[in-house]
Amino acid sequence: MIEFIVPCNIDSDERAANKVKFLGHYRHHEVTLVENYTERSVAYNTAARQSNSEYIALADIDAIIPIQQINSALFMLENCDDMVYPYHHIINVHKDGTETDDWPKGYYFGCMVFFNRQKFLDFGGENEAFIGYGWEDLERYYRALNSGMRINRVQGNCYHMMHPRTGFDNPYFSHNMKLMKRERSEWQNSI
């Protein structure tokens, strides 16, 4: 019913451990790992086009969502929504198992999002103008709003398994931010 599409480059011991935990948690679901990719947007789009599933999840290898929330998100997709975040809050889970509530407040657009696959493809999928890491998840949200997609969110947590942070030195970070701001500005001008 749903295919989890997961770009996965293993660049640390923590990410390798996250992969094992992710695959174990979602063992009863169809998971497509896209390994050794160059750009995440291209990896997501290619896998979405090749999928036969009615619904897809764009997922990070470090995101665990309780199964009940997955079922709730699928129910929402089946009954009218085009795009659903299967959580409303993110909790960081550290290597030692401790949990902290220190994710940037209000920035709950990454980790995982569900789509009606055909609507995802019709709205253009991921924006392949993005280079490297940064702002793609928020740009996707505003672009979906601008295209008239029905967006919803499930109550509950996403458990983000911590790992060393990379990508903040991306020389294209400001380029990516401009892409996001263009979509956000279009949305703000429409309301």
N, C-alpha and C. Protein backbone atom coordinates (compact mmCIF):
# COMPACT_ATOMS: atom_id res chain seq x y z
N MET A 1 0.82 -1.20 0.00
CA MET A 1 0.00 0.00 0.00
C MET A 1 0.86 1.26 0.00
N ILE A 2 1.94 1.26 0.79
CA ILE A 2 2.84 2.42 0.81
C ILE A 2 4.27 1.92 0.66
N GLU A 3 5.02 2.66 -0.10
CA GLU A 3 6.45 2.35 -0.28
C GLU A 3 7.26 3.47 0.36
N PHE A 4 8.17 3.09 1.24
CA PHE A 4 9.07 4.04 1.88
C PHE A 4 10.29 4.20 0.97
N ILE A 5 10.52 5.41 0.49
CA ILE A 5 11.68 5.71 -0.37
C ILE A 5 12.70 6.41 0.50
N VAL A 6 13.90 5.80 0.59
CA VAL A 6 14.88 6.25 1.57
C VAL A 6 16.26 6.40 0.94
N PRO A 7 16.66 7.62 0.57
CA PRO A 7 18.06 7.82 0.16
C PRO A 7 18.96 7.55 1.37
N CYS A 8 20.04 6.83 1.14
CA CYS A 8 20.85 6.39 2.27
C CYS A 8 22.32 6.31 1.89
N ASN A 9 23.09 7.30 2.31
CA ASN A 9 24.55 7.24 2.19
C ASN A 9 25.09 7.05 3.60
N ILE A 10 25.78 5.96 3.84
CA ILE A 10 26.31 5.67 5.17
C ILE A 10 27.66 6.38 5.31
N ASP A 11 27.65 7.45 6.15
CA ASP A 11 28.87 8.25 6.33
C ASP A 11 29.36 8.24 7.77
N SER A 12 28.73 7.41 8.63
CA SER A 12 29.16 7.33 10.03
C SER A 12 28.61 6.04 10.64
N ASP A 13 29.20 5.66 11.76
CA ASP A 13 28.70 4.47 12.48
C ASP A 13 27.25 4.67 12.92
N GLU A 14 26.91 5.91 13.31
CA GLU A 14 25.54 6.19 13.74
C GLU A 14 24.55 5.98 12.60
N ARG A 15 24.91 6.43 11.41
CA ARG A 15 23.99 6.24 10.28
C ARG A 15 23.85 4.75 9.93
N ALA A 16 24.92 3.99 10.06
CA ALA A 16 24.83 2.55 9.83
C ALA A 16 23.89 1.92 10.84
N ALA A 17 23.99 2.32 12.09
CA ALA A 17 23.09 1.81 13.13
C ALA A 17 21.65 2.27 12.86
N ASN A 18 21.48 3.51 12.40
CA ASN A 18 20.14 4.01 12.08
C ASN A 18 19.50 3.19 10.97
N LYS A 19 20.30 2.79 9.99
CA LYS A 19 19.79 1.97 8.89
C LYS A 19 19.23 0.65 9.42
N VAL A 20 19.96 0.01 10.32
CA VAL A 20 19.52 -1.25 10.90
C VAL A 20 18.21 -1.05 11.67
N LYS A 21 18.15 0.01 12.48
CA LYS A 21 16.93 0.30 13.26
C LYS A 21 15.75 0.62 12.34
N PHE A 22 16.01 1.43 11.31
CA PHE A 22 14.95 1.80 10.37
C PHE A 22 14.38 0.56 9.70
N LEU A 23 15.25 -0.27 9.15
CA LEU A 23 14.79 -1.47 8.44
C LEU A 23 14.05 -2.43 9.37
N GLY A 24 14.50 -2.51 10.61
CA GLY A 24 13.81 -3.36 11.58
C GLY A 24 12.43 -2.82 11.91
N HIS A 25 12.33 -1.52 12.11
CA HIS A 25 11.05 -0.91 12.47
C HIS A 25 10.03 -1.05 11.34
N TYR A 26 10.46 -0.87 10.11
CA TYR A 26 9.57 -0.89 8.95
C TYR A 26 9.61 -2.23 8.21
N ARG A 27 9.96 -3.30 8.90
CA ARG A 27 10.15 -4.61 8.27
C ARG A 27 8.87 -5.15 7.60
N HIS A 28 7.71 -4.68 8.01
CA HIS A 28 6.46 -5.15 7.41
C HIS A 28 5.96 -4.23 6.30
N HIS A 29 6.79 -3.30 5.90
CA HIS A 29 6.45 -2.37 4.83
C HIS A 29 7.44 -2.52 3.68
N GLU A 30 7.04 -2.04 2.53
CA GLU A 30 7.95 -2.02 1.39
C GLU A 30 8.90 -0.83 1.55
N VAL A 31 10.19 -1.11 1.56
CA VAL A 31 11.21 -0.07 1.71
C VAL A 31 12.16 -0.15 0.52
N THR A 32 12.33 0.98 -0.16
CA THR A 32 13.30 1.08 -1.24
C THR A 32 14.43 1.97 -0.77
N LEU A 33 15.59 1.37 -0.55
CA LEU A 33 16.79 2.13 -0.19
C LEU A 33 17.47 2.57 -1.48
N VAL A 34 17.77 3.85 -1.56
CA VAL A 34 18.53 4.37 -2.70
C VAL A 34 19.90 4.72 -2.15
N GLU A 35 20.88 3.86 -2.41
CA GLU A 35 22.20 4.04 -1.84
C GLU A 35 23.15 4.64 -2.87
N ASN A 36 24.14 5.33 -2.36
CA ASN A 36 25.18 5.94 -3.20
C ASN A 36 24.61 6.89 -4.24
N TYR A 37 23.64 7.67 -3.85
CA TYR A 37 23.04 8.66 -4.73
C TYR A 37 23.90 9.93 -4.73
N THR A 38 23.67 10.79 -5.70
CA THR A 38 24.35 12.08 -5.75
C THR A 38 23.47 13.17 -5.15
N GLU A 39 22.25 13.32 -5.64
CA GLU A 39 21.32 14.32 -5.13
C GLU A 39 20.05 13.63 -4.64
N ARG A 40 19.61 14.00 -3.44
CA ARG A 40 18.42 13.39 -2.85
C ARG A 40 17.17 13.62 -3.70
N SER A 41 17.01 14.80 -4.25
CA SER A 41 15.82 15.09 -5.03
C SER A 41 15.70 14.15 -6.23
N VAL A 42 16.80 13.90 -6.89
CA VAL A 42 16.80 12.99 -8.03
C VAL A 42 16.52 11.56 -7.57
N ALA A 43 17.10 11.17 -6.44
CA ALA A 43 16.87 9.83 -5.90
C ALA A 43 15.39 9.62 -5.59
N TYR A 44 14.77 10.60 -4.91
CA TYR A 44 13.34 10.49 -4.60
C TYR A 44 12.50 10.41 -5.87
N ASN A 45 12.76 11.31 -6.82
CA ASN A 45 11.95 11.36 -8.04
C ASN A 45 12.08 10.09 -8.86
N THR A 46 13.29 9.60 -9.01
CA THR A 46 13.50 8.37 -9.79
C THR A 46 12.77 7.20 -9.15
N ALA A 47 12.91 7.04 -7.84
CA ALA A 47 12.24 5.93 -7.15
C ALA A 47 10.72 6.09 -7.20
N ALA A 48 10.21 7.31 -7.08
CA ALA A 48 8.76 7.53 -7.15
C ALA A 48 8.21 7.17 -8.52
N ARG A 49 8.94 7.54 -9.57
CA ARG A 49 8.49 7.19 -10.93
C ARG A 49 8.50 5.68 -11.15
N GLN A 50 9.42 4.98 -10.54
CA GLN A 50 9.55 3.52 -10.71
C GLN A 50 8.60 2.74 -9.80
N SER A 51 8.05 3.39 -8.80
CA SER A 51 7.18 2.73 -7.83
C SER A 51 5.86 2.30 -8.46
N ASN A 52 5.30 1.23 -7.93
CA ASN A 52 3.96 0.79 -8.31
C ASN A 52 2.96 1.03 -7.19
N SER A 53 3.42 1.62 -6.09
CA SER A 53 2.56 1.83 -4.93
C SER A 53 1.65 3.04 -5.14
N GLU A 54 0.47 2.97 -4.56
CA GLU A 54 -0.44 4.11 -4.64
C GLU A 54 0.07 5.27 -3.79
N TYR A 55 0.73 4.93 -2.67
CA TYR A 55 1.23 5.93 -1.74
C TYR A 55 2.72 5.73 -1.53
N ILE A 56 3.42 6.85 -1.34
CA ILE A 56 4.85 6.79 -1.06
C ILE A 56 5.17 7.64 0.16
N ALA A 57 6.24 7.25 0.83
CA ALA A 57 6.77 8.05 1.93
C ALA A 57 8.17 8.47 1.55
N LEU A 58 8.42 9.77 1.55
CA LEU A 58 9.79 10.27 1.39
C LEU A 58 10.36 10.27 2.80
N ALA A 59 11.33 9.41 3.04
CA ALA A 59 11.79 9.18 4.41
C ALA A 59 13.29 9.35 4.53
N ASP A 60 13.69 9.82 5.71
CA ASP A 60 15.09 9.86 6.09
C ASP A 60 15.40 8.58 6.85
N ILE A 61 16.61 8.07 6.70
CA ILE A 61 17.02 6.82 7.34
C ILE A 61 17.04 6.93 8.86
N ASP A 62 16.95 8.14 9.38
CA ASP A 62 17.03 8.35 10.83
C ASP A 62 15.68 8.68 11.45
N ALA A 63 14.57 8.40 10.77
CA ALA A 63 13.24 8.77 11.25
C ALA A 63 12.40 7.54 11.58
N ILE A 64 11.96 7.46 12.83
CA ILE A 64 11.08 6.38 13.26
C ILE A 64 9.73 6.99 13.65
N ILE A 65 8.68 6.46 13.03
CA ILE A 65 7.32 6.91 13.29
C ILE A 65 6.55 5.71 13.85
N PRO A 66 5.84 5.88 14.96
CA PRO A 66 5.03 4.77 15.48
C PRO A 66 4.04 4.26 14.42
N ILE A 67 3.85 2.96 14.39
CA ILE A 67 3.02 2.31 13.37
C ILE A 67 1.60 2.86 13.38
N GLN A 68 1.02 3.16 14.55
CA GLN A 68 -0.33 3.71 14.60
C GLN A 68 -0.42 5.03 13.84
N GLN A 69 0.63 5.84 13.92
CA GLN A 69 0.64 7.12 13.20
C GLN A 69 0.75 6.88 11.69
N ILE A 70 1.48 5.85 11.29
CA ILE A 70 1.55 5.50 9.87
C ILE A 70 0.16 5.12 9.37
N ASN A 71 -0.53 4.29 10.16
CA ASN A 71 -1.89 3.89 9.78
C ASN A 71 -2.81 5.10 9.69
N SER A 72 -2.69 6.03 10.62
CA SER A 72 -3.52 7.24 10.59
C SER A 72 -3.23 8.08 9.34
N ALA A 73 -1.95 8.20 9.00
CA ALA A 73 -1.57 8.96 7.80
C ALA A 73 -2.12 8.31 6.54
N LEU A 74 -2.06 6.99 6.47
CA LEU A 74 -2.61 6.29 5.30
C LEU A 74 -4.12 6.49 5.21
N PHE A 75 -4.80 6.47 6.34
CA PHE A 75 -6.24 6.72 6.37
C PHE A 75 -6.54 8.12 5.79
N MET A 76 -5.75 9.09 6.19
CA MET A 76 -5.94 10.46 5.68
C MET A 76 -5.73 10.52 4.17
N LEU A 77 -4.71 9.83 3.67
CA LEU A 77 -4.46 9.81 2.23
C LEU A 77 -5.61 9.13 1.49
N GLU A 78 -6.11 8.05 2.05
CA GLU A 78 -7.19 7.31 1.40
C GLU A 78 -8.49 8.10 1.37
N ASN A 79 -8.64 9.05 2.29
CA ASN A 79 -9.92 9.73 2.44
C ASN A 79 -9.96 11.17 1.99
N CYS A 80 -8.89 11.74 1.48
CA CYS A 80 -9.00 13.07 0.85
C CYS A 80 -7.70 13.84 0.80
N ASP A 81 -6.72 13.53 1.60
CA ASP A 81 -5.51 14.34 1.60
C ASP A 81 -4.53 13.87 0.54
N ASP A 82 -3.69 14.81 0.08
CA ASP A 82 -2.68 14.52 -0.94
C ASP A 82 -1.30 14.32 -0.33
N MET A 83 -1.08 14.96 0.81
CA MET A 83 0.24 14.99 1.45
C MET A 83 0.01 14.99 2.95
N VAL A 84 0.67 14.08 3.68
CA VAL A 84 0.46 13.99 5.12
C VAL A 84 1.80 13.82 5.83
N TYR A 85 2.01 14.64 6.84
CA TYR A 85 3.15 14.45 7.74
C TYR A 85 2.67 13.49 8.84
N PRO A 86 3.32 12.34 9.02
CA PRO A 86 2.82 11.36 9.98
C PRO A 86 3.22 11.67 11.43
N TYR A 87 3.45 12.92 11.73
CA TYR A 87 3.85 13.37 13.07
C TYR A 87 3.59 14.87 13.17
N HIS A 88 3.61 15.39 14.39
CA HIS A 88 3.49 16.84 14.57
C HIS A 88 4.61 17.40 15.43
N HIS A 89 5.51 16.53 15.89
CA HIS A 89 6.59 16.97 16.77
C HIS A 89 7.78 16.01 16.57
N ILE A 90 8.99 16.52 16.76
CA ILE A 90 10.18 15.68 16.59
C ILE A 90 10.95 15.61 17.90
N ILE A 91 11.27 14.38 18.29
CA ILE A 91 12.08 14.11 19.49
C ILE A 91 13.41 13.52 19.01
N ASN A 92 14.51 14.06 19.52
CA ASN A 92 15.83 13.51 19.20
C ASN A 92 16.14 12.33 20.12
N VAL A 93 16.58 11.23 19.52
CA VAL A 93 16.98 10.04 20.28
C VAL A 93 18.49 9.89 20.11
N HIS A 94 19.20 9.91 21.22
CA HIS A 94 20.66 9.88 21.20
C HIS A 94 21.18 8.45 21.23
N LYS A 95 22.45 8.30 20.92
CA LYS A 95 23.10 7.00 20.82
C LYS A 95 22.90 6.15 22.07
N ASP A 96 22.88 6.80 23.25
CA ASP A 96 22.71 6.07 24.51
C ASP A 96 21.24 5.79 24.84
N GLY A 97 20.33 6.16 23.93
CA GLY A 97 18.91 5.90 24.14
C GLY A 97 18.14 7.02 24.81
N THR A 98 18.84 8.05 25.28
CA THR A 98 18.13 9.17 25.90
C THR A 98 17.41 9.99 24.83
N GLU A 99 16.33 10.62 25.23
CA GLU A 99 15.53 11.44 24.33
C GLU A 99 15.58 12.89 24.80
N THR A 100 15.67 13.80 23.85
CA THR A 100 15.63 15.22 24.17
C THR A 100 14.65 15.93 23.24
N ASP A 101 14.01 16.93 23.79
CA ASP A 101 13.04 17.72 23.04
C ASP A 101 13.72 19.03 22.63
N ASP A 102 14.76 18.91 21.78
CA ASP A 102 15.54 20.09 21.42
C ASP A 102 15.61 20.32 19.91
N TRP A 103 14.66 19.74 19.17
CA TRP A 103 14.56 20.03 17.73
C TRP A 103 14.12 21.48 17.60
N PRO A 104 14.57 22.21 16.58
CA PRO A 104 14.14 23.61 16.43
C PRO A 104 12.61 23.72 16.42
N LYS A 105 12.07 24.48 17.34
CA LYS A 105 10.62 24.60 17.52
C LYS A 105 9.94 25.12 16.25
N GLY A 106 8.88 24.43 15.88
CA GLY A 106 8.09 24.83 14.73
C GLY A 106 8.63 24.36 13.39
N TYR A 107 9.82 23.78 13.36
CA TYR A 107 10.39 23.33 12.08
C TYR A 107 10.20 21.82 11.97
N TYR A 108 8.97 21.44 11.65
CA TYR A 108 8.61 20.03 11.59
C TYR A 108 8.19 19.66 10.17
N PHE A 109 9.12 19.79 9.23
CA PHE A 109 8.82 19.52 7.82
C PHE A 109 9.72 18.45 7.22
N GLY A 110 10.73 18.01 7.94
CA GLY A 110 11.67 17.02 7.43
C GLY A 110 11.31 15.63 7.93
N CYS A 111 12.27 14.77 7.93
CA CYS A 111 12.19 13.40 8.45
C CYS A 111 11.34 12.47 7.59
N MET A 112 10.06 12.79 7.40
CA MET A 112 9.20 11.90 6.62
C MET A 112 7.93 12.62 6.23
N VAL A 113 7.48 12.37 5.01
CA VAL A 113 6.20 12.89 4.53
C VAL A 113 5.60 11.87 3.57
N PHE A 114 4.28 11.69 3.67
CA PHE A 114 3.56 10.74 2.83
C PHE A 114 2.84 11.49 1.71
N PHE A 115 2.77 10.82 0.56
CA PHE A 115 2.07 11.39 -0.60
C PHE A 115 1.22 10.35 -1.29
N ASN A 116 0.14 10.80 -1.90
CA ASN A 116 -0.47 10.05 -2.97
C ASN A 116 0.56 10.13 -4.09
N ARG A 117 1.08 9.00 -4.53
CA ARG A 117 2.20 8.99 -5.48
C ARG A 117 1.89 9.76 -6.76
N GLN A 118 0.70 9.57 -7.33
CA GLN A 118 0.38 10.25 -8.58
C GLN A 118 0.31 11.76 -8.39
N LYS A 119 -0.24 12.20 -7.26
CA LYS A 119 -0.30 13.65 -6.99
C LYS A 119 1.12 14.20 -6.81
N PHE A 120 1.99 13.42 -6.17
CA PHE A 120 3.39 13.83 -6.01
C PHE A 120 4.03 14.03 -7.39
N LEU A 121 3.82 13.08 -8.28
CA LEU A 121 4.40 13.18 -9.63
C LEU A 121 3.75 14.34 -10.41
N ASP A 122 2.45 14.50 -10.27
CA ASP A 122 1.73 15.57 -10.99
C ASP A 122 2.20 16.96 -10.55
N PHE A 123 2.57 17.11 -9.28
CA PHE A 123 3.00 18.43 -8.82
C PHE A 123 4.49 18.65 -9.05
N GLY A 124 5.14 17.68 -9.71
CA GLY A 124 6.53 17.85 -10.11
C GLY A 124 7.54 17.14 -9.23
N GLY A 125 7.06 16.45 -8.21
CA GLY A 125 7.98 15.73 -7.33
C GLY A 125 8.91 16.68 -6.59
N GLU A 126 10.08 16.20 -6.29
CA GLU A 126 11.07 17.03 -5.63
C GLU A 126 11.68 18.02 -6.62
N ASN A 127 12.08 19.16 -6.14
CA ASN A 127 12.68 20.19 -6.96
C ASN A 127 14.15 19.83 -7.20
N GLU A 128 14.47 19.44 -8.41
CA GLU A 128 15.83 18.98 -8.73
C GLU A 128 16.82 20.13 -8.90
N ALA A 129 16.37 21.35 -8.70
CA ALA A 129 17.30 22.49 -8.70
C ALA A 129 18.09 22.55 -7.39
N PHE A 130 17.66 21.81 -6.37
CA PHE A 130 18.39 21.79 -5.10
C PHE A 130 19.70 21.06 -5.26
N ILE A 131 20.73 21.61 -4.62
CA ILE A 131 22.06 21.02 -4.67
C ILE A 131 22.49 20.75 -3.23
N GLY A 132 22.73 19.50 -2.92
CA GLY A 132 23.17 19.16 -1.57
C GLY A 132 22.06 19.34 -0.56
N TYR A 133 22.46 19.58 0.67
CA TYR A 133 21.56 19.63 1.81
C TYR A 133 21.06 21.04 2.09
N GLY A 134 19.82 21.15 2.52
CA GLY A 134 19.32 22.40 3.05
C GLY A 134 18.12 22.99 2.34
N TRP A 135 17.03 23.17 3.08
CA TRP A 135 15.82 23.89 2.71
C TRP A 135 14.86 23.14 1.79
N GLU A 136 15.23 21.96 1.33
CA GLU A 136 14.37 21.24 0.39
C GLU A 136 13.04 20.83 1.01
N ASP A 137 13.04 20.48 2.29
CA ASP A 137 11.80 20.03 2.92
C ASP A 137 10.80 21.17 3.09
N LEU A 138 11.26 22.35 3.43
CA LEU A 138 10.36 23.50 3.57
C LEU A 138 9.91 24.01 2.20
N GLU A 139 10.78 23.98 1.22
CA GLU A 139 10.40 24.38 -0.15
C GLU A 139 9.30 23.47 -0.66
N ARG A 140 9.43 22.16 -0.40
CA ARG A 140 8.42 21.18 -0.83
C ARG A 140 7.06 21.53 -0.23
N TYR A 141 7.05 21.88 1.06
CA TYR A 141 5.81 22.23 1.74
C TYR A 141 5.13 23.44 1.08
N TYR A 142 5.89 24.52 0.88
CA TYR A 142 5.29 25.72 0.27
C TYR A 142 4.89 25.47 -1.18
N ARG A 143 5.66 24.71 -1.90
CA ARG A 143 5.31 24.41 -3.30
C ARG A 143 4.03 23.58 -3.35
N ALA A 144 3.86 22.67 -2.41
CA ALA A 144 2.63 21.88 -2.34
C ALA A 144 1.43 22.78 -2.04
N LEU A 145 1.61 23.71 -1.10
CA LEU A 145 0.53 24.68 -0.83
C LEU A 145 0.20 25.47 -2.09
N ASN A 146 1.23 25.94 -2.78
CA ASN A 146 1.03 26.75 -3.99
C ASN A 146 0.34 25.97 -5.10
N SER A 147 0.52 24.66 -5.10
CA SER A 147 -0.11 23.85 -6.15
C SER A 147 -1.50 23.37 -5.76
N GLY A 148 -1.96 23.75 -4.58
CA GLY A 148 -3.32 23.40 -4.16
C GLY A 148 -3.45 22.03 -3.52
N MET A 149 -2.35 21.43 -3.14
CA MET A 149 -2.44 20.11 -2.49
C MET A 149 -3.11 20.23 -1.13
N ARG A 150 -3.87 19.20 -0.78
CA ARG A 150 -4.48 19.11 0.55
C ARG A 150 -3.46 18.46 1.48
N ILE A 151 -3.03 19.22 2.49
CA ILE A 151 -1.96 18.79 3.39
C ILE A 151 -2.54 18.60 4.79
N ASN A 152 -2.12 17.52 5.44
CA ASN A 152 -2.59 17.26 6.78
C ASN A 152 -1.41 16.76 7.62
N ARG A 153 -1.67 16.58 8.90
CA ARG A 153 -0.63 16.18 9.85
C ARG A 153 -1.26 15.28 10.90
N VAL A 154 -0.54 14.22 11.29
CA VAL A 154 -0.98 13.29 12.32
C VAL A 154 -0.42 13.76 13.66
N GLN A 155 -1.21 13.66 14.71
CA GLN A 155 -0.72 13.96 16.05
C GLN A 155 0.22 12.83 16.50
N GLY A 156 1.32 13.19 17.12
CA GLY A 156 2.28 12.20 17.60
C GLY A 156 3.69 12.62 17.24
N ASN A 157 4.64 11.86 17.71
CA ASN A 157 6.05 12.20 17.55
C ASN A 157 6.72 11.45 16.42
N CYS A 158 7.72 12.09 15.85
CA CYS A 158 8.73 11.44 15.02
C CYS A 158 9.94 11.31 15.93
N TYR A 159 10.56 10.14 15.93
CA TYR A 159 11.76 9.92 16.74
C TYR A 159 12.96 9.97 15.79
N HIS A 160 13.73 11.05 15.92
CA HIS A 160 14.88 11.30 15.06
C HIS A 160 16.12 10.73 15.74
N MET A 161 16.71 9.70 15.12
CA MET A 161 17.91 9.08 15.67
C MET A 161 19.12 9.94 15.31
N MET A 162 19.78 10.41 16.33
CA MET A 162 20.89 11.35 16.15
C MET A 162 22.07 10.72 15.41
N HIS A 163 22.85 11.59 14.78
CA HIS A 163 24.03 11.22 14.01
C HIS A 163 24.86 12.48 13.85
N PRO A 164 26.12 12.35 13.46
CA PRO A 164 26.90 13.58 13.21
C PRO A 164 26.24 14.40 12.11
N ARG A 165 26.20 15.70 12.28
CA ARG A 165 25.56 16.59 11.31
C ARG A 165 26.54 16.93 10.21
N THR A 166 26.09 16.78 8.99
CA THR A 166 26.90 17.15 7.83
C THR A 166 26.04 18.01 6.92
N GLY A 167 26.66 18.71 6.02
CA GLY A 167 25.92 19.47 5.02
C GLY A 167 25.80 20.94 5.30
N PHE A 168 26.07 21.38 6.53
CA PHE A 168 25.94 22.80 6.83
C PHE A 168 27.03 23.63 6.16
N ASP A 169 28.05 22.95 5.67
CA ASP A 169 29.10 23.65 4.93
C ASP A 169 28.82 23.62 3.42
N ASN A 170 27.60 23.25 3.04
CA ASN A 170 27.21 23.18 1.64
C ASN A 170 27.36 24.57 1.00
N PRO A 171 28.22 24.70 -0.02
CA PRO A 171 28.39 26.01 -0.67
C PRO A 171 27.13 26.47 -1.41
N TYR A 172 26.15 25.58 -1.58
CA TYR A 172 24.90 25.92 -2.26
C TYR A 172 23.76 26.18 -1.29
N PHE A 173 24.08 26.29 0.00
CA PHE A 173 23.06 26.48 1.03
C PHE A 173 22.22 27.73 0.74
N SER A 174 22.87 28.85 0.39
CA SER A 174 22.12 30.09 0.12
C SER A 174 21.32 29.96 -1.18
N HIS A 175 21.84 29.25 -2.17
CA HIS A 175 21.10 28.97 -3.40
C HIS A 175 19.81 28.22 -3.07
N ASN A 176 19.94 27.19 -2.22
CA ASN A 176 18.78 26.40 -1.81
C ASN A 176 17.78 27.25 -1.04
N MET A 177 18.28 28.13 -0.18
CA MET A 177 17.40 28.99 0.60
C MET A 177 16.59 29.90 -0.32
N LYS A 178 17.20 30.41 -1.39
CA LYS A 178 16.49 31.26 -2.34
C LYS A 178 15.35 30.51 -3.01
N LEU A 179 15.56 29.23 -3.33
CA LEU A 179 14.50 28.42 -3.92
C LEU A 179 13.32 28.30 -2.96
N MET A 180 13.62 28.07 -1.68
CA MET A 180 12.56 27.96 -0.68
C MET A 180 11.84 29.29 -0.52
N LYS A 181 12.60 30.39 -0.42
CA LYS A 181 12.00 31.70 -0.20
C LYS A 181 11.09 32.11 -1.36
N ARG A 182 11.44 31.69 -2.58
CA ARG A 182 10.59 32.01 -3.73
C ARG A 182 9.21 31.35 -3.57
N GLU A 183 9.18 30.09 -3.16
CA GLU A 183 7.90 29.40 -2.95
C GLU A 183 7.15 29.99 -1.76
N ARG A 184 7.87 30.31 -0.68
CA ARG A 184 7.23 30.89 0.49
C ARG A 184 6.63 32.25 0.15
N SER A 185 7.35 33.05 -0.60
CA SER A 185 6.86 34.37 -1.00
C SER A 185 5.60 34.24 -1.86
N GLU A 186 5.60 33.30 -2.79
CA GLU A 186 4.42 33.08 -3.64
C GLU A 186 3.22 32.72 -2.78
N TRP A 187 3.43 31.85 -1.79
CA TRP A 187 2.34 31.46 -0.90
C TRP A 187 1.87 32.64 -0.08
N GLN A 188 2.80 33.42 0.49
CA GLN A 188 2.42 34.57 1.31
C GLN A 188 1.64 35.60 0.49
N ASN A 189 2.01 35.78 -0.77
CA ASN A 189 1.31 36.74 -1.62
C ASN A 189 -0.08 36.27 -2.03
N SER A 190 -0.34 34.96 -1.88
CA SER A 190 -1.64 34.43 -2.28
C SER A 190 -2.66 34.44 -1.16
N ILE A 191 -2.21 34.69 0.07
CA ILE A 191 -3.17 34.65 1.18
C ILE A 191 -3.65 36.04 1.57
